[in-house]
N, C-alpha and C. Protein backbone atom coordinates (compact mmCIF):
# COMPACT_ATOMS: atom_id res chain seq x y z
N UNK A 1 40.30 46.98 37.61
CA UNK A 1 41.57 46.41 37.40
C UNK A 1 42.56 47.65 37.89
N UNK A 2 42.05 48.79 37.81
CA UNK A 2 43.09 49.83 38.47
C UNK A 2 43.21 49.53 39.71
N UNK A 3 41.99 49.28 40.73
CA UNK A 3 42.68 49.42 42.16
C UNK A 3 43.11 48.27 42.39
N UNK A 4 43.13 47.02 41.68
CA UNK A 4 43.96 46.00 42.06
C UNK A 4 45.46 45.81 41.78
N UNK A 5 45.55 46.97 40.48
CA UNK A 5 46.71 47.28 40.24
C UNK A 5 47.49 48.20 41.28
N UNK A 6 46.63 49.26 41.92
CA UNK A 6 47.22 50.21 42.74
C UNK A 6 47.39 49.39 44.27
N UNK A 7 46.66 48.73 44.62
CA UNK A 7 46.80 48.13 45.86
C UNK A 7 47.48 46.96 46.08
N UNK A 8 47.27 45.92 44.92
CA UNK A 8 47.58 44.47 45.06
C UNK A 8 48.77 44.00 44.28
N UNK A 9 48.43 44.44 42.73
CA UNK A 9 49.72 43.62 41.62
C UNK A 9 50.88 44.49 41.71
N UNK A 10 50.82 45.88 41.37
CA UNK A 10 52.15 46.69 41.37
C UNK A 10 53.13 46.66 42.36
N UNK A 11 52.18 47.12 43.55
CA UNK A 11 53.18 46.91 44.71
C UNK A 11 53.43 45.60 45.42
N UNK A 12 52.83 44.46 44.60
CA UNK A 12 53.10 42.83 44.94
C UNK A 12 52.70 42.58 46.47
N UNK A 13 51.68 43.28 46.73
CA UNK A 13 51.00 43.10 48.19
C UNK A 13 51.31 41.56 48.91
N UNK A 14 50.99 40.66 48.15
CA UNK A 14 51.15 39.34 48.63
C UNK A 14 52.43 38.88 49.25
N UNK A 15 53.43 39.31 48.18
CA UNK A 15 54.84 39.12 48.60
C UNK A 15 55.27 39.81 49.56
N UNK A 16 54.72 41.04 49.82
CA UNK A 16 55.22 42.00 51.15
C UNK A 16 54.65 41.06 52.21
N UNK A 17 53.55 40.79 52.17
CA UNK A 17 53.08 40.21 53.45
C UNK A 17 53.65 38.89 53.64
N UNK A 18 53.92 38.00 52.79
CA UNK A 18 54.73 36.91 53.14
C UNK A 18 56.16 37.10 53.70
N UNK A 19 56.72 38.18 53.14
CA UNK A 19 58.27 38.63 54.16
C UNK A 19 57.78 39.44 55.18
N UNK A 20 56.89 40.31 55.41
CA UNK A 20 56.94 41.10 56.56
C UNK A 20 55.77 40.98 57.55
N UNK A 21 55.03 40.33 57.41
CA UNK A 21 53.69 40.46 58.23
C UNK A 21 53.52 38.81 58.66
N UNK A 22 52.95 38.67 60.07
CA UNK A 22 52.75 37.42 60.52
C UNK A 22 51.21 37.30 60.63
N UNK A 23 50.53 36.03 59.94
CA UNK A 23 49.02 35.94 59.98
C UNK A 23 49.01 35.26 61.62
N UNK A 24 48.05 35.14 62.21
CA UNK A 24 47.44 34.37 63.21
C UNK A 24 47.34 32.89 63.00
N UNK A 25 46.99 32.82 61.82
CA UNK A 25 46.99 31.35 61.40
C UNK A 25 47.19 31.59 59.60
N UNK A 26 47.76 30.47 59.02
CA UNK A 26 48.12 30.54 57.91
C UNK A 26 46.89 30.56 57.05
N UNK A 27 47.28 31.44 55.72
CA UNK A 27 46.03 31.72 54.92
C UNK A 27 46.59 31.72 53.45
N UNK A 28 46.07 30.90 52.60
CA UNK A 28 46.50 31.40 51.26
C UNK A 28 45.94 32.53 50.59
N UNK A 29 46.78 33.12 49.63
CA UNK A 29 46.37 34.33 48.99
C UNK A 29 44.81 34.10 48.35
N UNK A 30 44.54 32.98 47.71
CA UNK A 30 43.51 32.69 47.21
C UNK A 30 42.25 32.97 48.12
N UNK A 31 42.41 32.48 49.43
CA UNK A 31 41.47 32.52 50.50
C UNK A 31 41.45 34.04 50.92
N UNK A 32 42.38 35.12 50.70
CA UNK A 32 42.23 36.57 51.15
C UNK A 32 41.59 37.08 49.79
N UNK A 33 41.61 36.54 48.57
CA UNK A 33 40.99 37.19 47.48
C UNK A 33 39.61 36.80 47.43
N UNK A 34 39.22 35.35 48.06
CA UNK A 34 37.99 35.05 48.18
C UNK A 34 37.08 35.96 49.05
N UNK A 35 37.68 36.35 50.29
CA UNK A 35 37.49 37.22 51.54
C UNK A 35 36.95 38.61 50.59
N UNK A 36 38.16 39.07 50.06
CA UNK A 36 37.84 40.36 49.78
C UNK A 36 36.66 40.36 48.52
N UNK A 37 36.47 39.34 47.74
CA UNK A 37 35.21 39.48 47.01
C UNK A 37 33.86 39.29 47.74
N UNK A 38 33.86 38.36 48.59
CA UNK A 38 32.58 38.32 49.62
C UNK A 38 32.40 39.37 50.40
N UNK A 39 33.42 40.14 51.05
CA UNK A 39 33.18 41.64 51.52
C UNK A 39 32.82 42.45 50.88
N UNK A 40 33.22 42.62 49.56
CA UNK A 40 32.92 43.64 48.77
C UNK A 40 31.58 43.55 48.28
N UNK A 41 30.98 42.10 47.81
CA UNK A 41 29.66 41.96 47.48
C UNK A 41 28.95 41.89 48.40
N UNK A 42 28.92 41.90 49.64
CA UNK A 42 28.22 42.35 50.80
C UNK A 42 27.86 43.84 51.05
N UNK A 43 28.82 44.31 51.03
CA UNK A 43 29.01 45.97 51.07
C UNK A 43 28.18 46.70 49.88
N UNK A 44 28.32 46.10 48.76
CA UNK A 44 27.62 46.54 47.45
C UNK A 44 26.04 46.18 47.31
N UNK A 45 25.67 45.25 48.06
CA UNK A 45 24.28 44.46 47.93
C UNK A 45 22.99 45.37 47.71
N UNK A 46 23.31 46.44 48.87
CA UNK A 46 22.37 47.50 49.13
C UNK A 46 22.25 48.42 47.75
N UNK A 47 23.45 48.54 47.31
CA UNK A 47 23.35 49.53 45.85
C UNK A 47 22.87 48.65 44.78
N UNK A 48 23.01 47.48 44.67
CA UNK A 48 22.60 46.70 43.53
C UNK A 48 21.22 46.60 43.57
N UNK A 49 20.50 46.35 44.64
CA UNK A 49 19.21 46.21 44.93
C UNK A 49 18.43 47.46 44.85
N UNK A 50 19.04 48.63 45.04
CA UNK A 50 18.30 49.77 44.92
C UNK A 50 18.69 50.52 43.39
N UNK A 51 19.68 49.77 42.64
CA UNK A 51 19.83 50.25 41.39
C UNK A 51 20.63 51.33 41.43
N UNK A 52 21.51 51.47 42.48
CA UNK A 52 22.22 52.84 42.57
C UNK A 52 23.60 52.64 42.13
N UNK A 53 23.97 53.66 41.15
CA UNK A 53 25.53 53.74 40.90
C UNK A 53 26.58 54.14 41.67
N UNK A 54 27.41 53.58 41.98
CA UNK A 54 28.70 53.72 42.73
C UNK A 54 29.57 54.62 42.44
N UNK A 55 29.96 55.91 42.57
CA UNK A 55 30.82 56.66 42.04
C UNK A 55 32.50 55.77 42.59
N UNK A 56 33.24 56.41 41.89
CA UNK A 56 34.47 55.75 42.02
C UNK A 56 35.13 56.08 43.37
N UNK A 57 34.91 57.46 43.74
CA UNK A 57 35.64 57.64 45.00
C UNK A 57 35.11 56.51 46.05
N UNK A 58 33.87 56.40 46.12
CA UNK A 58 33.12 55.39 47.07
C UNK A 58 33.61 53.90 46.98
N UNK A 59 33.55 53.87 45.61
CA UNK A 59 33.79 52.14 45.56
C UNK A 59 35.30 52.32 45.95
N UNK A 60 36.14 52.96 45.73
CA UNK A 60 37.43 52.99 46.21
C UNK A 60 37.50 52.72 47.59
N UNK A 61 36.75 53.34 48.51
CA UNK A 61 36.71 53.30 49.74
C UNK A 61 36.15 51.81 50.18
N UNK A 62 35.20 51.20 49.61
CA UNK A 62 34.56 49.85 50.11
C UNK A 62 35.67 48.83 49.61
N UNK A 63 36.40 49.08 48.46
CA UNK A 63 37.43 48.06 48.22
C UNK A 63 38.56 48.10 49.11
N UNK A 64 39.14 49.46 49.64
CA UNK A 64 40.25 49.30 50.57
C UNK A 64 39.47 48.71 51.86
N UNK A 65 38.29 49.06 52.24
CA UNK A 65 37.91 48.37 53.52
C UNK A 65 37.69 47.02 53.50
N UNK A 66 37.50 46.43 52.26
CA UNK A 66 37.06 44.90 52.10
C UNK A 66 38.51 44.43 52.13
N UNK A 67 39.61 45.02 51.40
CA UNK A 67 40.98 44.34 51.18
C UNK A 67 41.57 44.52 52.53
N UNK A 68 41.37 45.54 53.57
CA UNK A 68 41.91 45.66 54.62
C UNK A 68 41.56 44.24 55.65
N UNK A 69 40.01 44.15 55.64
CA UNK A 69 39.75 43.12 56.52
C UNK A 69 40.13 41.80 55.73
N UNK A 70 39.85 41.67 54.48
CA UNK A 70 40.40 40.46 54.02
C UNK A 70 41.81 40.12 54.33
N UNK A 71 42.64 40.82 54.20
CA UNK A 71 43.98 40.43 54.46
C UNK A 71 44.48 40.65 56.12
N UNK A 72 44.13 41.82 56.56
CA UNK A 72 44.35 42.27 58.15
C UNK A 72 43.34 41.69 59.14
N UNK A 73 42.67 41.03 58.67
CA UNK A 73 42.11 40.14 59.59
C UNK A 73 42.45 39.22 60.58
N UNK A 74 43.44 38.62 59.84
CA UNK A 74 44.36 37.62 60.40
C UNK A 74 45.46 37.99 60.99
N UNK A 75 45.86 39.63 61.25
CA UNK A 75 47.17 39.89 61.60
C UNK A 75 46.66 40.25 63.13
N UNK A 76 47.80 40.42 63.98
CA UNK A 76 47.86 40.72 65.40
C UNK A 76 47.92 42.44 65.24
N UNK A 77 47.39 43.38 66.19
CA UNK A 77 47.58 44.80 66.02
C UNK A 77 48.75 45.31 65.59
N UNK A 78 49.68 44.99 65.76
CA UNK A 78 51.06 45.47 65.37
C UNK A 78 50.98 45.67 64.00
N UNK A 79 50.76 44.31 63.40
CA UNK A 79 50.66 44.31 61.79
C UNK A 79 49.71 44.92 61.30
N UNK A 80 48.67 45.10 61.60
CA UNK A 80 47.32 45.85 61.50
C UNK A 80 47.59 47.29 61.23
N UNK A 81 48.44 47.58 62.23
CA UNK A 81 49.19 49.21 61.92
C UNK A 81 49.94 49.15 60.70
N UNK A 82 50.82 47.97 60.62
CA UNK A 82 51.81 48.44 59.22
C UNK A 82 50.97 48.04 58.28
N UNK A 83 49.77 47.40 58.08
CA UNK A 83 48.95 47.48 57.01
C UNK A 83 48.20 48.61 56.54
N UNK A 84 47.98 49.07 57.80
CA UNK A 84 47.34 50.62 57.47
C UNK A 84 48.27 51.58 57.19
N UNK A 85 49.61 51.54 57.61
CA UNK A 85 50.34 52.49 57.01
C UNK A 85 50.66 52.42 55.46
N UNK A 86 50.79 50.96 55.05
CA UNK A 86 50.86 50.47 53.44
C UNK A 86 49.77 51.40 52.82
N UNK A 87 48.47 51.11 53.48
CA UNK A 87 47.67 51.76 52.91
C UNK A 87 47.48 53.38 52.53
N UNK A 88 48.07 53.79 53.52
CA UNK A 88 48.16 55.40 53.83
C UNK A 88 49.30 55.77 52.69
N UNK A 89 50.44 54.70 52.61
CA UNK A 89 51.60 55.01 51.52
C UNK A 89 51.20 54.94 50.09
N UNK A 90 49.95 54.17 49.81
CA UNK A 90 49.30 54.23 48.68
C UNK A 90 48.31 55.14 48.34
N UNK A 91 48.20 56.32 49.09
CA UNK A 91 47.18 57.02 49.11
C UNK A 91 45.83 57.00 49.13
N UNK A 92 45.62 55.62 50.03
CA UNK A 92 44.11 54.78 50.31
C UNK A 92 43.25 56.10 50.92
N UNK A 93 41.89 55.94 50.80
CA UNK A 93 41.07 56.83 51.43
C UNK A 93 40.88 56.13 52.80
N UNK A 94 41.44 56.54 53.78
CA UNK A 94 41.37 55.92 55.12
C UNK A 94 41.40 56.74 56.20
N UNK A 95 40.79 56.83 57.30
CA UNK A 95 40.90 57.62 58.37
C UNK A 95 42.27 57.31 59.25
N UNK A 96 42.72 58.09 60.17
CA UNK A 96 43.92 57.87 60.78
C UNK A 96 43.41 56.71 61.89
N UNK A 97 44.24 56.22 62.57
CA UNK A 97 43.96 55.50 63.52
C UNK A 97 45.13 55.22 64.25
N UNK A 98 44.60 54.60 65.61
CA UNK A 98 45.86 54.33 66.65
C UNK A 98 45.67 52.93 67.07
N UNK A 99 46.65 52.29 67.50
CA UNK A 99 46.67 50.96 67.91
C UNK A 99 46.81 50.78 69.21
């Protein structure tokens, strides 16, 4: 819940995307949420099978990576850069990029 509040709910990410970003194709927020969960599940699968505990900083990296692709995967380069800047503004654990 903490990460969804930080990155999705409190900044109202989907409303920001609706107003300031362009998707290559239309996509409902429920599809973005499903993609987020599918990506996160796939990333965590090896940890689950090995019965490893994922610490909070690593889980946040996985969550942000999954969210970035679930949402930004349908953006052109310019909007992906804007999304990256959004994550930086939320103090997300991301590397610097250049588009």
